[in-house]
Amino acid sequence: MNEVMKNSETAVDLGRLRHDFTRFMMSYKFGIDELITKINILKQEFTHIHRYSPIEHVSSRLKTPESIIDKARRKKCALTLDAIRENIFDVAGVRITCSFISDTYRIADMLSSQSDVRVVEVKDYIANPKRNGYKSLHLIVEIPVFMSDRVQPVLVELQIRTIAMDFWASLEHKIFYKYRGEIPPTLLAELTEAAESANKLDEKMERLHDEVTELNGDAENSITLGSMPPLALPPELLHMLLTAQADAIDPE
């Protein structure tokens, strides 16, 4: 009888643990969804209103349970859900790739200025690159996730980098795992040199972008909405709008 009761209690405990862990993982998944929604809104606004979006590409990842446990053990963190929430900040991750260095800071400012986004930590590896040449802007942000019975604050790691930085980081990551962390000194030196070349490319592209922006001047008289073709604005309509605006400012 006692054995049956113990087995029943164990089954209940396992069921509760499975339920709690599922909710734990889903909260981080929803945190990613919330942040990506904010990013996509900004991207569409810039594309349609400002003619240029600083956001080129967005990707995300959610750590696997095995990866979370491995990191918790490396950090000597208790294997409880509360302890993991308090000590591991990169269970959920979002990466934004942009064209220019200035865009990385611009995007970070736009997101961090939103009232429901709290910046917990900033690591600026663009201004202060890692020794191996790695560059990226890292932020830990807290996002509220509205669930059926609660509002769950969720931490998400946000990485913002240029296309050149992202290409270099991807290559470095593959080489690191191929050599299991023991990269030959000659290859490491070449990686560092490549990082400097990527930085020079970023700086050059930034200058070219600034020059093109100055040459372009005013925006074209058209609107593009999603997959729709450009919506031309007739000169008569523009004139009418300008006249109405002037009359509103100075009725006389």
C-alpha atoms as a PDB file:
ATOM      1  CA  MET A   1       0.000   0.000   0.000  1.00  0.00           C
ATOM      2  CA  ASN A   2       2.795   2.400   0.948  1.00  0.00           C
ATOM      3  CA  GLU A   3       4.600   1.570  -2.297  1.00  0.00           C
ATOM      4  CA  VAL A   4       1.495   2.405  -4.319  1.00  0.00           C
ATOM      5  CA  MET A   5       1.132   5.733  -2.504  1.00  0.00           C
ATOM      6  CA  LYS A   6       4.783   6.574  -3.124  1.00  0.00           C
ATOM      7  CA  ASN A   7       4.459   5.773  -6.819  1.00  0.00           C
ATOM      8  CA  SER A   8       1.324   7.906  -6.998  1.00  0.00           C
ATOM      9  CA  GLU A   9       3.064  10.833  -5.286  1.00  0.00           C
ATOM     10  CA  THR A  10       6.039  10.472  -7.623  1.00  0.00           C
ATOM     11  CA  ALA A  11       3.744  10.553 -10.644  1.00  0.00           C
ATOM     12  CA  VAL A  12       2.061  13.698  -9.300  1.00  0.00           C
ATOM     13  CA  ASP A  13       5.449  15.340  -8.678  1.00  0.00           C
ATOM     14  CA  LEU A  14       6.645  14.466 -12.181  1.00  0.00           C
ATOM     15  CA  GLY A  15       3.443  15.809 -13.685  1.00  0.00           C
ATOM     16  CA  ARG A  16       3.787  19.074 -11.756  1.00  0.00           C
ATOM     17  CA  LEU A  17       7.454  19.392 -12.725  1.00  0.00           C
ATOM     18  CA  ARG A  18       6.624  18.783 -16.394  1.00  0.00           C
ATOM     19  CA  HIS A  19       3.868  21.414 -16.215  1.00  0.00           C
ATOM     20  CA  ASP A  20       6.133  23.984 -14.528  1.00  0.00           C
ATOM     21  CA  PHE A  21       9.014  23.386 -16.934  1.00  0.00           C
ATOM     22  CA  THR A  22       6.715  23.652 -19.954  1.00  0.00           C
ATOM     23  CA  ARG A  23       5.418  26.991 -18.658  1.00  0.00           C
ATOM     24  CA  PHE A  24       9.025  28.071 -17.975  1.00  0.00           C
ATOM     25  CA  MET A  25      10.158  27.328 -21.537  1.00  0.00           C
ATOM     26  CA  MET A  26       7.030  28.795 -23.113  1.00  0.00           C
ATOM     27  CA  SER A  27       7.489  32.068 -21.226  1.00  0.00           C
ATOM     28  CA  TYR A  28      10.903  32.496 -22.872  1.00  0.00           C
ATOM     29  CA  LYS A  29       9.491  31.563 -26.261  1.00  0.00           C
ATOM     30  CA  PHE A  30       6.757  34.178 -25.781  1.00  0.00           C
ATOM     31  CA  GLY A  31       9.415  36.692 -24.694  1.00  0.00           C
ATOM     32  CA  ILE A  32      11.139  36.165 -28.045  1.00  0.00           C
ATOM     33  CA  ASP A  33       7.805  36.577 -29.845  1.00  0.00           C
ATOM     34  CA  GLU A  34       7.076  39.849 -28.022  1.00  0.00           C
ATOM     35  CA  LEU A  35      10.491  41.316 -28.806  1.00  0.00           C
ATOM     36  CA  ILE A  36      10.393  40.247 -32.462  1.00  0.00           C
ATOM     37  CA  THR A  37       6.956  41.858 -32.809  1.00  0.00           C
ATOM     38  CA  LYS A  38       8.416  45.143 -31.564  1.00  0.00           C
ATOM     39  CA  ILE A  39      11.340  44.824 -33.978  1.00  0.00           C
ATOM     40  CA  ASN A  40       9.100  44.028 -36.952  1.00  0.00           C
ATOM     41  CA  ILE A  41       6.898  47.045 -36.218  1.00  0.00           C
ATOM     42  CA  LEU A  42       9.966  49.295 -36.254  1.00  0.00           C
ATOM     43  CA  LYS A  43      11.241  47.637 -39.430  1.00  0.00           C
ATOM     44  CA  GLN A  44       7.963  48.171 -41.284  1.00  0.00           C
ATOM     45  CA  GLU A  45       7.635  51.742 -40.036  1.00  0.00           C
ATOM     46  CA  PHE A  46      11.103  52.627 -41.290  1.00  0.00           C
ATOM     47  CA  THR A  47      10.575  50.824 -44.591  1.00  0.00           C
ATOM     48  CA  HIS A  48       7.287  52.561 -45.389  1.00  0.00           C
ATOM     49  CA  ILE A  49       7.706  55.957 -43.708  1.00  0.00           C
ATOM     50  CA  HIS A  50      11.418  56.693 -43.752  1.00  0.00           C
ATOM     51  CA  ARG A  51      12.346  54.820 -46.974  1.00  0.00           C
ATOM     52  CA  TYR A  52      15.221  53.095 -45.184  1.00  0.00           C
ATOM     53  CA  SER A  53      15.168  50.443 -42.481  1.00  0.00           C
ATOM     54  CA  PRO A  54      18.215  49.991 -40.238  1.00  0.00           C
ATOM     55  CA  ILE A  55      17.060  46.394 -39.646  1.00  0.00           C
ATOM     56  CA  GLU A  56      18.299  43.975 -42.318  1.00  0.00           C
ATOM     57  CA  HIS A  57      17.604  40.591 -40.726  1.00  0.00           C
ATOM     58  CA  VAL A  58      16.192  39.179 -37.480  1.00  0.00           C
ATOM     59  CA  SER A  59      16.803  35.718 -36.046  1.00  0.00           C
ATOM     60  CA  SER A  60      16.141  34.066 -32.702  1.00  0.00           C
ATOM     61  CA  ARG A  61      17.019  31.020 -30.682  1.00  0.00           C
ATOM     62  CA  LEU A  62      15.788  29.301 -27.534  1.00  0.00           C
ATOM     63  CA  LYS A  63      18.273  27.239 -25.541  1.00  0.00           C
ATOM     64  CA  THR A  64      17.465  23.550 -25.264  1.00  0.00           C
ATOM     65  CA  PRO A  65      16.775  22.116 -21.794  1.00  0.00           C
ATOM     66  CA  GLU A  66      20.094  20.243 -22.006  1.00  0.00           C
ATOM     67  CA  SER A  67      21.976  23.449 -22.815  1.00  0.00           C
ATOM     68  CA  ILE A  68      20.277  25.280 -19.937  1.00  0.00           C
ATOM     69  CA  ILE A  69      21.230  22.551 -17.459  1.00  0.00           C
ATOM     70  CA  ASP A  70      24.834  22.448 -18.745  1.00  0.00           C
ATOM     71  CA  LYS A  71      25.187  26.209 -18.287  1.00  0.00           C
ATOM     72  CA  ALA A  72      23.587  26.086 -14.839  1.00  0.00           C
ATOM     73  CA  ARG A  73      26.141  23.480 -13.779  1.00  0.00           C
ATOM     74  CA  ARG A  74      29.051  25.523 -15.187  1.00  0.00           C
ATOM     75  CA  LYS A  75      27.825  28.560 -13.254  1.00  0.00           C
ATOM     76  CA  LYS A  76      27.302  26.372 -10.162  1.00  0.00           C
ATOM     77  CA  CYS A  77      23.672  27.434 -10.192  1.00  0.00           C
ATOM     78  CA  ALA A  78      21.017  25.431  -8.354  1.00  0.00           C
ATOM     79  CA  LEU A  79      18.938  23.341 -10.736  1.00  0.00           C
ATOM     80  CA  THR A  80      15.659  25.033  -9.890  1.00  0.00           C
ATOM     81  CA  LEU A  81      13.555  27.138 -12.235  1.00  0.00           C
ATOM     82  CA  ASP A  82      13.769  30.200  -9.972  1.00  0.00           C
ATOM     83  CA  ALA A  83      17.564  29.948  -9.714  1.00  0.00           C
ATOM     84  CA  ILE A  84      17.899  29.570 -13.483  1.00  0.00           C
ATOM     85  CA  ARG A  85      15.725  32.669 -14.049  1.00  0.00           C
ATOM     86  CA  GLU A  86      17.898  34.686 -11.675  1.00  0.00           C
ATOM     87  CA  ASN A  87      21.297  33.526 -12.936  1.00  0.00           C
ATOM     88  CA  ILE A  88      21.049  32.651 -16.632  1.00  0.00           C
ATOM     89  CA  PHE A  89      20.170  35.614 -18.833  1.00  0.00           C
ATOM     90  CA  ASP A  90      20.464  34.084 -22.303  1.00  0.00           C
ATOM     91  CA  VAL A  91      17.871  31.314 -22.307  1.00  0.00           C
ATOM     92  CA  ALA A  92      16.094  33.362 -24.979  1.00  0.00           C
ATOM     93  CA  GLY A  93      18.042  35.219 -27.637  1.00  0.00           C
ATOM     94  CA  VAL A  94      17.280  37.553 -30.528  1.00  0.00           C
ATOM     95  CA  ARG A  95      19.820  38.793 -33.069  1.00  0.00           C
ATOM     96  CA  ILE A  96      19.407  41.814 -35.322  1.00  0.00           C
ATOM     97  CA  THR A  97      21.688  42.290 -38.315  1.00  0.00           C
ATOM     98  CA  CYS A  98      21.977  45.775 -39.776  1.00  0.00           C
ATOM     99  CA  SER A  99      23.998  47.501 -42.482  1.00  0.00           C
ATOM    100  CA  PHE A 100      25.888  50.173 -40.569  1.00  0.00           C
ATOM    101  CA  ILE A 101      27.548  50.642 -37.191  1.00  0.00           C
ATOM    102  CA  SER A 102      25.395  53.661 -36.348  1.00  0.00           C
ATOM    103  CA  ASP A 103      22.304  51.512 -36.941  1.00  0.00           C
ATOM    104  CA  THR A 104      23.235  49.180 -34.080  1.00  0.00           C
ATOM    105  CA  TYR A 105      23.038  51.992 -31.536  1.00  0.00           C
ATOM    106  CA  ARG A 106      19.989  53.506 -33.198  1.00  0.00           C
ATOM    107  CA  ILE A 107      18.061  50.242 -32.921  1.00  0.00           C
ATOM    108  CA  ALA A 108      19.160  49.736 -29.312  1.00  0.00           C
ATOM    109  CA  ASP A 109      17.987  53.249 -28.397  1.00  0.00           C
ATOM    110  CA  MET A 110      14.601  52.793 -30.092  1.00  0.00           C
ATOM    111  CA  LEU A 111      13.888  49.511 -28.318  1.00  0.00           C
ATOM    112  CA  SER A 112      15.222  50.513 -24.900  1.00  0.00           C
ATOM    113  CA  SER A 113      13.157  53.720 -24.935  1.00  0.00           C
ATOM    114  CA  GLN A 114       9.889  51.757 -25.098  1.00  0.00           C
ATOM    115  CA  SER A 115       8.015  51.964 -21.800  1.00  0.00           C
ATOM    116  CA  ASP A 116       7.602  48.199 -21.327  1.00  0.00           C
ATOM    117  CA  VAL A 117      11.217  47.321 -22.126  1.00  0.00           C
ATOM    118  CA  ARG A 118      13.674  47.386 -19.233  1.00  0.00           C
ATOM    119  CA  VAL A 119      17.385  47.231 -20.008  1.00  0.00           C
ATOM    120  CA  VAL A 120      19.085  45.038 -17.419  1.00  0.00           C
ATOM    121  CA  GLU A 121      22.612  44.929 -18.846  1.00  0.00           C
ATOM    122  CA  VAL A 122      24.609  46.329 -21.750  1.00  0.00           C
ATOM    123  CA  LYS A 123      27.885  44.956 -23.122  1.00  0.00           C
ATOM    124  CA  ASP A 124      29.282  47.079 -25.924  1.00  0.00           C
ATOM    125  CA  TYR A 125      31.743  44.898 -27.806  1.00  0.00           C
ATOM    126  CA  ILE A 126      31.693  47.359 -30.711  1.00  0.00           C
ATOM    127  CA  ALA A 127      33.334  50.118 -28.682  1.00  0.00           C
ATOM    128  CA  ASN A 128      35.329  47.531 -26.703  1.00  0.00           C
ATOM    129  CA  PRO A 129      35.946  44.454 -28.898  1.00  0.00           C
ATOM    130  CA  LYS A 130      36.936  41.117 -27.390  1.00  0.00           C
ATOM    131  CA  ARG A 131      40.593  40.126 -27.684  1.00  0.00           C
ATOM    132  CA  ASN A 132      39.863  37.854 -30.644  1.00  0.00           C
ATOM    133  CA  GLY A 133      38.274  40.748 -32.558  1.00  0.00           C
ATOM    134  CA  TYR A 134      34.623  39.912 -31.851  1.00  0.00           C
ATOM    135  CA  LYS A 135      32.294  42.905 -32.164  1.00  0.00           C
ATOM    136  CA  SER A 136      28.617  43.174 -31.331  1.00  0.00           C
ATOM    137  CA  LEU A 137      26.274  45.161 -29.110  1.00  0.00           C
ATOM    138  CA  HIS A 138      24.708  42.958 -26.432  1.00  0.00           C
ATOM    139  CA  LEU A 139      21.736  43.917 -24.284  1.00  0.00           C
ATOM    140  CA  ILE A 140      19.791  41.944 -21.720  1.00  0.00           C
ATOM    141  CA  VAL A 141      16.242  43.273 -21.795  1.00  0.00           C
ATOM    142  CA  GLU A 142      13.243  42.392 -19.677  1.00  0.00           C
ATOM    143  CA  ILE A 143       9.960  41.991 -21.564  1.00  0.00           C
ATOM    144  CA  PRO A 144       6.523  41.513 -19.952  1.00  0.00           C
ATOM    145  CA  VAL A 145       4.706  38.433 -21.228  1.00  0.00           C
ATOM    146  CA  PHE A 146       0.942  38.531 -20.701  1.00  0.00           C
ATOM    147  CA  MET A 147      -0.277  35.014 -19.977  1.00  0.00           C
ATOM    148  CA  SER A 148      -3.758  33.782 -19.045  1.00  0.00           C
ATOM    149  CA  ASP A 149      -3.242  34.087 -15.291  1.00  0.00           C
ATOM    150  CA  ARG A 150      -0.206  36.328 -14.838  1.00  0.00           C
ATOM    151  CA  VAL A 151       2.223  38.831 -16.297  1.00  0.00           C
ATOM    152  CA  GLN A 152       5.601  37.108 -16.465  1.00  0.00           C
ATOM    153  CA  PRO A 153       8.716  39.303 -16.821  1.00  0.00           C
ATOM    154  CA  VAL A 154      11.120  37.516 -19.170  1.00  0.00           C
ATOM    155  CA  LEU A 155      14.781  38.230 -19.867  1.00  0.00           C
ATOM    156  CA  VAL A 156      15.920  38.110 -23.491  1.00  0.00           C
ATOM    157  CA  GLU A 157      19.464  38.542 -24.766  1.00  0.00           C
ATOM    158  CA  LEU A 158      19.511  40.942 -27.710  1.00  0.00           C
ATOM    159  CA  GLN A 159      22.540  40.992 -30.020  1.00  0.00           C
ATOM    160  CA  ILE A 160      22.829  43.762 -32.603  1.00  0.00           C
ATOM    161  CA  ARG A 161      25.628  43.705 -35.158  1.00  0.00           C
ATOM    162  CA  THR A 162      26.454  44.677 -38.724  1.00  0.00           C
ATOM    163  CA  ILE A 163      26.475  42.231 -41.631  1.00  0.00           C
ATOM    164  CA  ALA A 164      30.285  42.247 -41.636  1.00  0.00           C
ATOM    165  CA  MET A 165      30.415  41.583 -37.881  1.00  0.00           C
ATOM    166  CA  ASP A 166      27.879  38.778 -38.238  1.00  0.00           C
ATOM    167  CA  PHE A 167      29.823  37.102 -41.053  1.00  0.00           C
ATOM    168  CA  TRP A 168      33.025  37.209 -39.005  1.00  0.00           C
ATOM    169  CA  ALA A 169      31.306  35.922 -35.846  1.00  0.00           C
ATOM    170  CA  SER A 170      29.731  33.030 -37.757  1.00  0.00           C
ATOM    171  CA  LEU A 171      33.103  32.024 -39.205  1.00  0.00           C
ATOM    172  CA  GLU A 172      34.836  32.318 -35.821  1.00  0.00           C
ATOM    173  CA  HIS A 173      32.129  30.181 -34.191  1.00  0.00           C
ATOM    174  CA  LYS A 174      32.581  27.385 -36.752  1.00  0.00           C
ATOM    175  CA  ILE A 175      36.369  27.441 -36.422  1.00  0.00           C
ATOM    176  CA  PHE A 176      36.152  27.457 -32.603  1.00  0.00           C
ATOM    177  CA  TYR A 177      34.052  24.291 -32.571  1.00  0.00           C
ATOM    178  CA  LYS A 178      36.079  22.598 -35.296  1.00  0.00           C
ATOM    179  CA  TYR A 179      39.227  22.965 -33.187  1.00  0.00           C
ATOM    180  CA  ARG A 180      37.323  22.437 -29.900  1.00  0.00           C
ATOM    181  CA  GLY A 181      38.443  25.783 -28.542  1.00  0.00           C
ATOM    182  CA  GLU A 182      42.141  25.213 -29.288  1.00  0.00           C
ATOM    183  CA  ILE A 183      42.554  27.413 -32.366  1.00  0.00           C
ATOM    184  CA  PRO A 184      46.106  27.364 -33.827  1.00  0.00           C
ATOM    185  CA  PRO A 185      47.942  30.678 -33.207  1.00  0.00           C
ATOM    186  CA  THR A 186      48.430  31.341 -36.940  1.00  0.00           C
ATOM    187  CA  LEU A 187      44.716  30.888 -37.633  1.00  0.00           C
ATOM    188  CA  LEU A 188      43.840  33.018 -34.616  1.00  0.00           C
ATOM    189  CA  ALA A 189      46.070  35.802 -35.946  1.00  0.00           C
ATOM    190  CA  GLU A 190      44.332  35.618 -39.326  1.00  0.00           C
ATOM    191  CA  LEU A 191      40.933  35.795 -37.623  1.00  0.00           C
ATOM    192  CA  THR A 192      42.012  38.904 -35.732  1.00  0.00           C
ATOM    193  CA  GLU A 193      43.252  40.453 -38.979  1.00  0.00           C
ATOM    194  CA  ALA A 194      39.948  39.572 -40.662  1.00  0.00           C
ATOM    195  CA  ALA A 195      38.076  41.277 -37.814  1.00  0.00           C
ATOM    196  CA  GLU A 196      40.043  44.463 -38.443  1.00  0.00           C
ATOM    197  CA  SER A 197      39.292  44.235 -42.171  1.00  0.00           C
ATOM    198  CA  ALA A 198      35.593  43.819 -41.380  1.00  0.00           C
ATOM    199  CA  ASN A 199      35.748  46.900 -39.169  1.00  0.00           C
ATOM    200  CA  LYS A 200      37.373  48.959 -41.945  1.00  0.00           C
ATOM    201  CA  LEU A 201      34.667  47.777 -44.349  1.00  0.00           C
ATOM    202  CA  ASP A 202      31.975  48.862 -41.866  1.00  0.00           C
ATOM    203  CA  GLU A 203      33.543  52.304 -41.517  1.00  0.00           C
ATOM    204  CA  LYS A 204      33.861  52.723 -45.289  1.00  0.00           C
ATOM    205  CA  MET A 205      30.260  51.657 -45.921  1.00  0.00           C
ATOM    206  CA  GLU A 206      29.099  54.089 -43.231  1.00  0.00           C
ATOM    207  CA  ARG A 207      30.861  56.978 -44.983  1.00  0.00           C
ATOM    208  CA  LEU A 208      29.386  55.983 -48.361  1.00  0.00           C
ATOM    209  CA  HIS A 209      25.926  55.745 -46.824  1.00  0.00           C
ATOM    210  CA  ASP A 210      26.242  59.239 -45.354  1.00  0.00           C
ATOM    211  CA  GLU A 211      27.328  60.636 -48.728  1.00  0.00           C
ATOM    212  CA  VAL A 212      24.445  58.964 -50.579  1.00  0.00           C
ATOM    213  CA  THR A 213      21.958  60.200 -47.976  1.00  0.00           C
ATOM    214  CA  GLU A 214      23.141  63.786 -48.458  1.00  0.00           C
ATOM    215  CA  LEU A 215      22.896  63.493 -52.253  1.00  0.00           C
ATOM    216  CA  ASN A 216      19.394  62.019 -52.236  1.00  0.00           C
ATOM    217  CA  GLY A 217      17.839  64.952 -50.402  1.00  0.00           C
ATOM    218  CA  ASP A 218      14.053  64.816 -50.142  1.00  0.00           C
ATOM    219  CA  ALA A 219      12.081  61.575 -50.166  1.00  0.00           C
ATOM    220  CA  GLU A 220      10.436  60.317 -53.336  1.00  0.00           C
ATOM    221  CA  ASN A 221       6.725  61.026 -53.711  1.00  0.00           C
ATOM    222  CA  SER A 222       5.585  57.427 -53.338  1.00  0.00           C
ATOM    223  CA  ILE A 223       4.392  55.031 -50.666  1.00  0.00           C
ATOM    224  CA  THR A 224       5.050  51.266 -50.565  1.00  0.00           C
ATOM    225  CA  LEU A 225       2.887  49.015 -48.380  1.00  0.00           C
ATOM    226  CA  GLY A 226       4.114  45.460 -47.909  1.00  0.00           C
ATOM    227  CA  SER A 227       3.855  43.519 -51.171  1.00  0.00           C
ATOM    228  CA  MET A 228       1.804  46.275 -52.840  1.00  0.00           C
ATOM    229  CA  PRO A 229       3.381  48.246 -55.702  1.00  0.00           C
ATOM    230  CA  PRO A 230       4.476  51.821 -54.939  1.00  0.00           C
ATOM    231  CA  LEU A 231       1.501  54.143 -54.520  1.00  0.00           C
ATOM    232  CA  ALA A 232       2.313  57.316 -56.456  1.00  0.00           C
ATOM    233  CA  LEU A 233       1.198  60.610 -54.949  1.00  0.00           C
ATOM    234  CA  PRO A 234      -0.058  62.981 -57.683  1.00  0.00           C
ATOM    235  CA  PRO A 235       1.478  66.478 -57.589  1.00  0.00           C
ATOM    236  CA  GLU A 236      -2.042  67.936 -57.320  1.00  0.00           C
ATOM    237  CA  LEU A 237      -2.682  65.950 -54.150  1.00  0.00           C
ATOM    238  CA  LEU A 238       0.619  67.039 -52.633  1.00  0.00           C
ATOM    239  CA  HIS A 239      -0.159  70.673 -53.481  1.00  0.00           C
ATOM    240  CA  MET A 240      -3.626  70.362 -51.948  1.00  0.00           C
ATOM    241  CA  LEU A 241      -2.218  68.865 -48.740  1.00  0.00           C
ATOM    242  CA  LEU A 242       0.454  71.556 -48.472  1.00  0.00           C
ATOM    243  CA  THR A 243      -2.125  74.300 -49.031  1.00  0.00           C
ATOM    244  CA  ALA A 244      -4.448  72.846 -46.401  1.00  0.00           C
ATOM    245  CA  GLN A 245      -1.561  72.579 -43.955  1.00  0.00           C
ATOM    246  CA  ALA A 246      -0.530  76.194 -44.588  1.00  0.00           C
ATOM    247  CA  ASP A 247      -4.125  77.398 -44.118  1.00  0.00           C
ATOM    248  CA  ALA A 248      -4.360  75.529 -40.828  1.00  0.00           C
ATOM    249  CA  ILE A 249      -1.198  77.226 -39.559  1.00  0.00           C
ATOM    250  CA  ASP A 250      -2.098  80.716 -40.843  1.00  0.00           C
ATOM    251  CA  PRO A 251      -5.866  81.041 -41.471  1.00  0.00           C
ATOM    252  CA  GLU A 252      -5.443  84.617 -42.718  1.00  0.00           C
END
